[in-house]
């Protein structure tokens, strides 16, 4: 179990740290909390003791474990040390190596990855002194998660609002994750495509893009350079990925053709429309008849193209979703489209299919089929990426021999 040390300094955004703590614990992390005295004026230490099941440290000479020096014990336990929120005063201490309370002392002693999340009044944040202090922190290898623009507690509207908790959580998870895919380039397609037949209507499917986005998020956390080619979805992009937004299957095909040669692993998780209307009307089609006929033409088969043009070092992973004979059809698709691996989604099972946060899948490699129980899409993404990495390394070793 990874240990996250969460520092909380004295800003109004301190209350949001309770949500972050809860999310970290749900994901299986052990959380130790250190609060400044000012922070305790905004939210009670009891809140965090209840969530973490650990005492909250607030004083430099507080002794929880008499056999050890407390700030050194915590510093050694930390896999990641994050300060949420980090006030201007806290940032100034960190930048200049001051250690005059439990938080700054422990932070200085920690040797793990460190993250600070500034949150303060706009004028304080934009003050050249604060900006210089942030640059100093970054020069020491500390990761800075920039605040958002928005309405602040003081009534001002501007830069200084704490970054979204989900955004902070992604950075913490990335810092915790071993760089299994470090140095690899991975392209992932995600979401549906839309095939317009007039300015306001289109043909599409219910894909949410959640599986592809989970793959992109986890691949980035594992150290890969990620290109995400996404159809229209209602999802925030994962951090630190190159996002290419498209609408139609043709646009997705053109974008993938432009980038595929630079990739080591390609994952086709998008639900691409098989057909498109032959004609896109310039004006809205009026509802004048009881029936409307559309003539459709096949879209380019992106997975087949990639399988045909796959470079010797590349690994190609496809996805299949069928309403019947899933594994038979999936195996035939894997062979026909020259995939190294294929993920078959169980459409009709509860907890699988479109839109949900969970999936039930089988993974096909050659003659091997491995089926998995229901799990979150991020959990499945980890399994998929680890298997693809093994395939990639195996192909790399064969080429060396």
Protein backbone atom coordinates (compact mmCIF):
# COMPACT_ATOMS: atom_id res chain seq x y z
CA UNK A 1 0.00 0.00 0.00
CA UNK A 2 1.36 3.40 -1.02
CA UNK A 3 1.50 6.17 1.58
CA UNK A 4 0.46 9.71 0.67
CA UNK A 5 1.48 12.43 3.09
CA UNK A 6 -1.01 15.27 2.73
CA UNK A 7 0.02 18.68 4.00
CA UNK A 8 -2.67 21.28 4.57
CA UNK A 9 -1.81 24.95 5.02
CA UNK A 10 -4.07 27.77 6.14
CA UNK A 11 -6.26 28.75 3.22
CA UNK A 12 -10.02 28.59 2.69
CA UNK A 13 -9.50 25.74 0.20
CA UNK A 14 -8.36 23.56 3.12
CA UNK A 15 -11.86 22.10 3.30
CA UNK A 16 -11.40 20.57 -0.16
CA UNK A 17 -8.57 18.44 1.20
CA UNK A 18 -11.17 16.31 2.96
CA UNK A 19 -12.60 15.28 -0.42
CA UNK A 20 -9.11 14.52 -1.71
CA UNK A 21 -8.39 12.42 1.38
CA UNK A 22 -11.61 10.47 0.90
CA UNK A 23 -10.85 9.80 -2.79
CA UNK A 24 -7.31 8.64 -2.01
CA UNK A 25 -8.55 6.22 0.64
CA UNK A 26 -11.20 4.83 -1.76
CA UNK A 27 -8.38 4.07 -4.20
CA UNK A 28 -6.50 2.10 -1.54
CA UNK A 29 -3.85 4.61 -0.44
CA UNK A 30 -2.74 5.09 3.17
CA UNK A 31 -2.96 8.80 4.00
CA UNK A 32 -1.07 10.67 6.73
CA UNK A 33 -2.12 14.29 7.31
CA UNK A 34 -0.05 17.21 8.58
CA UNK A 35 -1.81 20.53 9.22
CA UNK A 36 -0.46 23.96 10.02
CA UNK A 37 -2.00 25.77 12.97
CA UNK A 38 -3.69 28.17 10.56
CA UNK A 39 -5.21 25.27 8.65
CA UNK A 40 -6.96 24.05 11.80
CA UNK A 41 -8.89 27.33 11.84
CA UNK A 42 -10.58 26.33 8.56
CA UNK A 43 -11.23 22.61 9.13
CA UNK A 44 -10.91 20.39 12.18
CA UNK A 45 -8.14 17.75 12.44
CA UNK A 46 -10.88 15.39 13.66
CA UNK A 47 -12.26 15.28 10.11
CA UNK A 48 -9.00 13.83 8.80
CA UNK A 49 -8.46 11.53 11.77
CA UNK A 50 -11.88 10.04 11.10
CA UNK A 51 -11.13 9.57 7.39
CA UNK A 52 -7.54 8.28 7.68
CA UNK A 53 -7.66 6.43 11.00
CA UNK A 54 -4.35 8.16 11.84
CA UNK A 55 -3.59 11.00 14.27
CA UNK A 56 -3.19 14.35 12.53
CA UNK A 57 0.14 16.09 13.14
CA UNK A 58 -0.12 19.78 13.95
CA UNK A 59 2.87 20.55 16.23
CA UNK A 60 6.59 20.23 15.58
CA UNK A 61 7.23 18.36 18.82
CA UNK A 62 4.07 16.26 18.77
CA UNK A 63 5.00 12.70 19.75
CA UNK A 64 2.83 9.89 18.41
CA UNK A 65 5.52 7.22 18.33
CA UNK A 66 8.02 7.93 21.16
CA UNK A 67 10.54 5.48 19.73
CA UNK A 68 11.08 7.67 16.62
CA UNK A 69 11.46 11.30 15.59
CA UNK A 70 8.01 12.01 14.21
CA UNK A 71 8.79 14.25 11.23
CA UNK A 72 11.55 11.88 10.07
CA UNK A 73 9.29 8.84 10.47
CA UNK A 74 6.58 10.43 8.33
CA UNK A 75 9.08 11.70 5.75
CA UNK A 76 10.48 8.18 5.32
CA UNK A 77 7.01 6.65 4.99
CA UNK A 78 5.92 8.99 2.20
CA UNK A 79 5.67 7.66 -1.36
CA UNK A 80 4.31 11.06 -2.42
CA UNK A 81 4.12 14.29 -0.40
CA UNK A 82 1.45 16.74 -1.54
CA UNK A 83 0.40 20.09 -0.04
CA UNK A 84 -3.24 21.02 -0.69
CA UNK A 85 -3.72 23.94 -0.49
CA UNK A 86 -0.33 25.62 -0.53
CA UNK A 87 -0.59 29.24 0.59
CA UNK A 88 1.84 31.99 -0.39
CA UNK A 89 3.46 31.73 3.05
CA UNK A 90 3.85 27.96 2.77
CA UNK A 91 5.34 28.26 -0.73
CA UNK A 92 7.82 30.90 0.48
CA UNK A 93 9.01 28.58 3.25
CA UNK A 94 9.47 25.67 0.85
CA UNK A 95 11.29 27.80 -1.72
CA UNK A 96 13.84 28.98 0.86
CA UNK A 97 14.18 25.81 2.93
CA UNK A 98 12.59 27.18 6.10
CA UNK A 99 11.49 24.58 8.64
CA UNK A 100 9.63 26.26 11.48
CA UNK A 101 6.57 24.01 11.84
CA UNK A 102 5.68 20.34 11.44
CA UNK A 103 4.64 20.67 7.79
CA UNK A 104 7.68 22.57 6.51
CA UNK A 105 10.06 20.45 8.59
CA UNK A 106 8.67 17.15 7.30
CA UNK A 107 8.49 18.40 3.73
CA UNK A 108 12.15 19.40 3.87
CA UNK A 109 13.11 15.95 5.19
CA UNK A 110 11.10 13.96 2.62
CA UNK A 111 12.93 12.50 -0.39
CA UNK A 112 9.91 11.23 -2.31
CA UNK A 113 8.14 12.97 -5.24
CA UNK A 114 6.66 16.27 -4.01
CA UNK A 115 3.64 18.19 -5.28
CA UNK A 116 2.28 21.59 -4.22
CA UNK A 117 -1.10 22.98 -5.17
CA UNK A 118 -1.23 26.78 -4.79
CA UNK A 119 -4.50 28.44 -3.81
CA UNK A 120 -4.81 32.10 -2.80
CA UNK A 121 -6.07 35.54 -3.78
CA UNK A 122 -5.27 36.49 -7.39
CA UNK A 123 -3.04 39.42 -6.44
CA UNK A 124 -1.06 37.26 -4.03
CA UNK A 125 -0.66 34.51 -6.62
CA UNK A 126 0.40 36.89 -9.39
CA UNK A 127 2.78 38.83 -7.14
CA UNK A 128 6.29 38.53 -8.64
CA UNK A 129 7.63 37.28 -5.29
CA UNK A 130 5.18 34.36 -5.25
CA UNK A 131 5.88 33.58 -8.90
CA UNK A 132 9.63 33.62 -8.22
CA UNK A 133 9.14 31.31 -5.24
CA UNK A 134 7.15 28.89 -7.41
CA UNK A 135 9.93 28.91 -10.00
CA UNK A 136 12.42 28.10 -7.25
CA UNK A 137 10.27 25.20 -6.07
CA UNK A 138 10.02 23.87 -9.64
CA UNK A 139 13.80 24.15 -10.05
CA UNK A 140 14.19 21.83 -7.04
CA UNK A 141 12.04 19.18 -8.76
CA UNK A 142 8.81 19.97 -6.95
CA UNK A 143 5.73 19.58 -9.16
CA UNK A 144 3.43 22.61 -9.26
CA UNK A 145 -0.25 22.11 -10.06
CA UNK A 146 -1.40 25.50 -11.26
CA UNK A 147 -4.58 26.99 -9.80
CA UNK A 148 -7.66 27.67 -11.87
CA UNK A 149 -9.38 30.93 -12.72
CA UNK A 150 -12.70 31.47 -11.01
CA UNK A 151 -14.66 33.14 -8.23
CA UNK A 152 -12.58 33.24 -5.05
CA UNK A 153 -13.79 33.25 -1.44
CA UNK A 154 -12.75 36.90 -1.09
CA UNK A 155 -15.13 37.85 -3.91
CA UNK A 156 -12.46 38.43 -6.55
CA UNK A 157 -12.66 36.60 -9.84
CA UNK A 158 -9.33 35.50 -11.25
CA UNK A 159 -6.41 33.11 -11.04
CA UNK A 160 -5.84 31.44 -7.68
CA UNK A 161 -8.66 28.94 -7.23
CA UNK A 162 -7.45 25.47 -6.18
CA UNK A 163 -7.15 23.01 -9.07
CA UNK A 164 -9.91 20.42 -9.39
CA UNK A 165 -9.56 17.57 -6.92
CA UNK A 166 -9.75 14.98 -9.73
CA UNK A 167 -6.90 16.79 -11.52
CA UNK A 168 -4.79 16.76 -8.34
CA UNK A 169 -5.63 13.09 -7.81
CA UNK A 170 -4.37 12.19 -11.28
CA UNK A 171 -1.04 13.89 -10.56
CA UNK A 172 -0.69 12.03 -7.26
CA UNK A 173 -1.46 8.68 -8.90
CA UNK A 174 1.02 9.41 -11.68
CA UNK A 175 3.72 10.20 -9.12
CA UNK A 176 2.96 6.92 -7.32
CA UNK A 177 3.06 4.69 -10.37
CA UNK A 178 6.25 2.97 -11.53
CA UNK A 179 7.33 4.10 -15.00
CA UNK A 180 6.70 0.75 -16.68
CA UNK A 181 6.08 2.39 -20.07
CA UNK A 182 8.80 5.03 -19.80
CA UNK A 183 10.17 5.86 -23.24
CA UNK A 184 7.29 4.27 -25.18
CA UNK A 185 4.88 6.15 -27.46
CA UNK A 186 1.29 4.95 -27.34
CA UNK A 187 -1.64 6.08 -29.48
CA UNK A 188 -5.16 5.40 -28.25
CA UNK A 189 -8.44 6.09 -30.04
CA UNK A 190 -11.55 6.67 -27.94
CA UNK A 191 -15.21 7.56 -28.07
CA UNK A 192 -17.77 7.50 -30.86
CA UNK A 193 -17.67 9.12 -34.27
CA UNK A 194 -20.45 11.27 -35.71
CA UNK A 195 -21.51 11.03 -39.37
CA UNK A 196 -23.48 14.12 -40.35
CA UNK A 197 -26.25 14.08 -42.98
CA UNK A 198 -27.34 17.71 -42.49
CA UNK A 199 -26.10 20.64 -40.35
CA UNK A 200 -27.96 19.50 -37.20
CA UNK A 201 -28.24 15.69 -37.43
CA UNK A 202 -25.81 12.81 -37.48
CA UNK A 203 -25.50 9.04 -37.11
CA UNK A 204 -23.55 7.81 -34.11
CA UNK A 205 -23.50 5.28 -31.24
CA UNK A 206 -23.68 5.40 -27.40
CA UNK A 207 -19.92 5.13 -26.72
CA UNK A 208 -18.89 7.37 -23.82
CA UNK A 209 -15.13 7.13 -24.46
CA UNK A 210 -14.52 6.09 -20.84
CA UNK A 211 -12.47 2.99 -21.68
CA UNK A 212 -10.19 4.85 -24.08
CA UNK A 213 -9.75 7.74 -21.67
CA UNK A 214 -8.96 5.31 -18.83
CA UNK A 215 -6.31 3.71 -21.03
CA UNK A 216 -4.81 7.11 -21.85
CA UNK A 217 -4.78 8.15 -18.19
CA UNK A 218 -3.13 4.94 -16.98
CA UNK A 219 -0.64 4.85 -19.87
CA UNK A 220 0.46 8.38 -19.00
CA UNK A 221 0.77 7.45 -15.33
CA UNK A 222 2.97 4.51 -16.35
CA UNK A 223 5.34 6.89 -18.13
CA UNK A 224 4.27 6.62 -21.77
CA UNK A 225 4.10 9.49 -24.24
CA UNK A 226 0.39 9.31 -25.09
CA UNK A 227 -1.51 10.53 -28.16
CA UNK A 228 -5.27 10.35 -27.63
CA UNK A 229 -7.44 10.55 -30.76
CA UNK A 230 -10.91 11.21 -29.45
CA UNK A 231 -14.34 11.44 -30.95
CA UNK A 232 -16.93 13.74 -29.31
CA UNK A 233 -17.20 12.89 -25.58
CA UNK A 234 -18.18 14.62 -22.34
CA UNK A 235 -14.97 13.78 -20.47
CA UNK A 236 -12.09 15.94 -19.25
CA UNK A 237 -8.86 14.98 -21.02
CA UNK A 238 -6.27 13.11 -18.95
CA UNK A 239 -3.28 15.17 -17.87
CA UNK A 240 -0.13 15.38 -20.00
CA UNK A 241 -1.49 13.66 -23.11
CA UNK A 242 -1.55 14.95 -26.69
CA UNK A 243 -5.28 15.21 -27.43
CA UNK A 244 -6.48 15.14 -31.05
CA UNK A 245 -10.22 15.81 -31.25
CA UNK A 246 -12.15 14.57 -34.27
CA UNK A 247 -15.78 14.02 -35.23
CA UNK A 248 -16.15 11.71 -38.21
CA UNK A 249 -14.60 8.34 -38.96
CA UNK A 250 -12.74 9.89 -41.89
CA UNK A 251 -11.25 12.56 -39.61
CA UNK A 252 -10.19 9.88 -37.12
CA UNK A 253 -8.65 7.82 -39.93
CA UNK A 254 -6.73 10.81 -41.31
CA UNK A 255 -5.43 11.75 -37.84
CA UNK A 256 -4.35 8.21 -37.01
CA UNK A 257 -2.59 7.83 -40.38
CA UNK A 258 -0.70 11.03 -39.63
CA UNK A 259 0.64 9.77 -36.28
CA UNK A 260 0.73 5.95 -36.33
CA UNK A 261 4.29 5.55 -37.64
CA UNK A 262 5.68 7.31 -34.55
CA UNK A 263 4.02 4.88 -32.12
CA UNK A 264 5.26 1.76 -30.35
CA UNK A 265 1.82 0.57 -29.25
CA UNK A 266 -1.53 1.43 -30.87
CA UNK A 267 -4.84 0.75 -29.09
CA UNK A 268 -8.04 1.11 -31.11
CA UNK A 269 -10.69 1.54 -28.42
CA UNK A 270 -12.95 3.94 -30.36
CA UNK A 271 -16.41 2.87 -31.50
CA UNK A 272 -16.10 3.99 -35.12
CA UNK A 273 -19.22 4.27 -37.29
CA UNK A 274 -19.09 1.60 -40.00
CA UNK A 275 -21.10 3.69 -42.47
CA UNK A 276 -21.65 7.35 -43.34
CA UNK A 277 -24.29 9.11 -45.47
CA UNK A 278 -23.23 9.57 -49.09
CA UNK A 279 -24.61 13.11 -49.05
CA UNK A 280 -24.37 15.83 -46.39
CA UNK A 281 -27.13 18.34 -47.04
CA UNK A 282 -26.20 22.02 -46.79
CA UNK A 283 -29.50 22.87 -45.10
CA UNK A 284 -31.59 21.11 -42.46
CA UNK A 285 -33.79 18.41 -43.98
CA UNK A 286 -37.39 19.42 -43.35
CA UNK A 287 -39.86 17.02 -41.78
CA UNK A 288 -42.25 16.85 -44.74
CA UNK A 289 -42.52 13.12 -45.40
CA UNK A 290 -43.49 10.16 -43.21
CA UNK A 291 -40.31 8.36 -44.24
CA UNK A 292 -36.73 9.49 -44.88
CA UNK A 293 -34.28 7.34 -46.80
CA UNK A 294 -30.53 7.72 -46.44
CA UNK A 295 -27.98 6.08 -48.70
CA UNK A 296 -24.91 4.98 -46.76
CA UNK A 297 -21.39 4.14 -47.81
CA UNK A 298 -18.71 2.27 -45.89
CA UNK A 299 -16.24 4.23 -43.79
CA UNK A 300 -12.53 3.35 -43.94
CA UNK A 301 -11.63 0.38 -41.74
CA UNK A 302 -9.02 1.98 -39.47
CA UNK A 303 -8.04 -1.18 -37.60
CA UNK A 304 -7.63 -3.14 -40.84
CA UNK A 305 -5.44 -0.37 -42.26
CA UNK A 306 -3.24 -0.38 -39.14
CA UNK A 307 -2.96 -4.18 -39.23
CA UNK A 308 -1.93 -4.07 -42.90
CA UNK A 309 0.61 -1.24 -42.42
CA UNK A 310 1.91 -2.19 -38.98
CA UNK A 311 5.64 -1.58 -38.61
CA UNK A 312 7.85 -4.50 -37.46
CA UNK A 313 8.32 -3.17 -33.91
CA UNK A 314 4.70 -2.10 -33.34
CA UNK A 315 2.05 -3.78 -31.19
CA UNK A 316 -1.58 -3.38 -32.29
CA UNK A 317 -4.54 -3.89 -29.96
CA UNK A 318 -8.13 -3.86 -31.16
CA UNK A 319 -11.48 -3.90 -29.37
CA UNK A 320 -14.61 -5.87 -30.23
CA UNK A 321 -18.17 -5.58 -28.99
CA UNK A 322 -20.73 -8.09 -30.21
CA UNK A 323 -24.33 -8.91 -29.31
CA UNK A 324 -23.81 -12.64 -30.03
CA UNK A 325 -20.97 -15.19 -30.41
CA UNK A 326 -18.58 -12.66 -28.87
CA UNK A 327 -15.44 -14.78 -28.55
CA UNK A 328 -15.84 -16.48 -31.93
CA UNK A 329 -16.32 -13.17 -33.69
CA UNK A 330 -13.56 -11.50 -31.67
CA UNK A 331 -11.02 -14.19 -32.55
CA UNK A 332 -11.92 -13.95 -36.23
CA UNK A 333 -11.55 -10.15 -36.07
CA UNK A 334 -8.16 -10.38 -34.36
CA UNK A 335 -6.80 -12.70 -37.06
CA UNK A 336 -8.40 -10.88 -40.00
CA UNK A 337 -7.13 -7.48 -38.91
CA UNK A 338 -3.65 -8.65 -37.88
CA UNK A 339 -3.93 -7.58 -34.23
CA UNK A 340 -1.41 -8.72 -31.65
CA UNK A 341 -4.12 -8.57 -28.99
CA UNK A 342 -7.85 -7.94 -28.89
CA UNK A 343 -10.15 -6.94 -26.02
CA UNK A 344 -13.66 -8.36 -26.31
CA UNK A 345 -16.39 -6.48 -24.44
CA UNK A 346 -19.35 -8.42 -23.09
CA UNK A 347 -22.17 -6.12 -24.26
CA UNK A 348 -25.17 -7.81 -22.64
CA UNK A 349 -23.76 -8.53 -19.17
CA UNK A 350 -24.64 -6.30 -16.22
CA UNK A 351 -21.77 -3.94 -15.48
CA UNK A 352 -20.43 -4.02 -19.05
CA UNK A 353 -21.22 -2.21 -22.28
CA UNK A 354 -21.54 1.47 -23.11
CA UNK A 355 -21.57 4.43 -20.71
CA UNK A 356 -20.70 2.66 -17.44
CA UNK A 357 -17.61 2.99 -15.23
CA UNK A 358 -17.06 -0.79 -15.11
CA UNK A 359 -16.40 -3.41 -17.74
CA UNK A 360 -16.43 -7.18 -18.23
CA UNK A 361 -13.95 -8.25 -20.84
CA UNK A 362 -12.00 -11.13 -22.34
CA UNK A 363 -8.49 -10.60 -23.71
CA UNK A 364 -7.37 -12.63 -26.73
CA UNK A 365 -3.71 -13.25 -27.67
CA UNK A 366 -3.09 -15.87 -30.34
CA UNK A 367 -4.85 -19.03 -29.17
CA UNK A 368 -5.07 -17.79 -25.58
CA UNK A 369 -8.31 -16.32 -24.21
CA UNK A 370 -8.38 -14.88 -20.68
CA UNK A 371 -11.71 -13.73 -19.22
CA UNK A 372 -12.07 -11.28 -16.34
CA UNK A 373 -14.76 -10.52 -13.78
CA UNK A 374 -16.38 -7.08 -13.56
CA UNK A 375 -13.88 -4.34 -12.69
CA UNK A 376 -13.45 -0.61 -13.15
CA UNK A 377 -12.24 0.57 -16.52
CA UNK A 378 -9.04 1.87 -14.94
CA UNK A 379 -8.35 -1.55 -13.42
CA UNK A 380 -8.90 -3.14 -16.82
CA UNK A 381 -6.65 -0.48 -18.41
CA UNK A 382 -3.80 -1.55 -16.11
CA UNK A 383 -4.22 -5.19 -17.15
CA UNK A 384 -4.37 -4.32 -20.86
CA UNK A 385 -1.30 -2.09 -20.74
CA UNK A 386 0.78 -4.57 -18.76
CA UNK A 387 -0.04 -7.29 -21.30
CA UNK A 388 0.78 -5.00 -24.22
CA UNK A 389 4.08 -4.06 -22.59
CA UNK A 390 4.96 -7.76 -22.27
CA UNK A 391 4.14 -8.28 -25.95
CA UNK A 392 6.22 -5.26 -26.93
CA UNK A 393 9.25 -6.38 -24.91
CA UNK A 394 8.94 -9.89 -26.33
CA UNK A 395 8.95 -8.56 -29.89
CA UNK A 396 11.88 -6.27 -29.04
CA UNK A 397 13.91 -9.18 -27.64
CA UNK A 398 13.21 -11.30 -30.72
CA UNK A 399 14.39 -8.52 -33.03
CA UNK A 400 17.64 -8.22 -31.05
CA UNK A 401 18.26 -11.95 -31.29
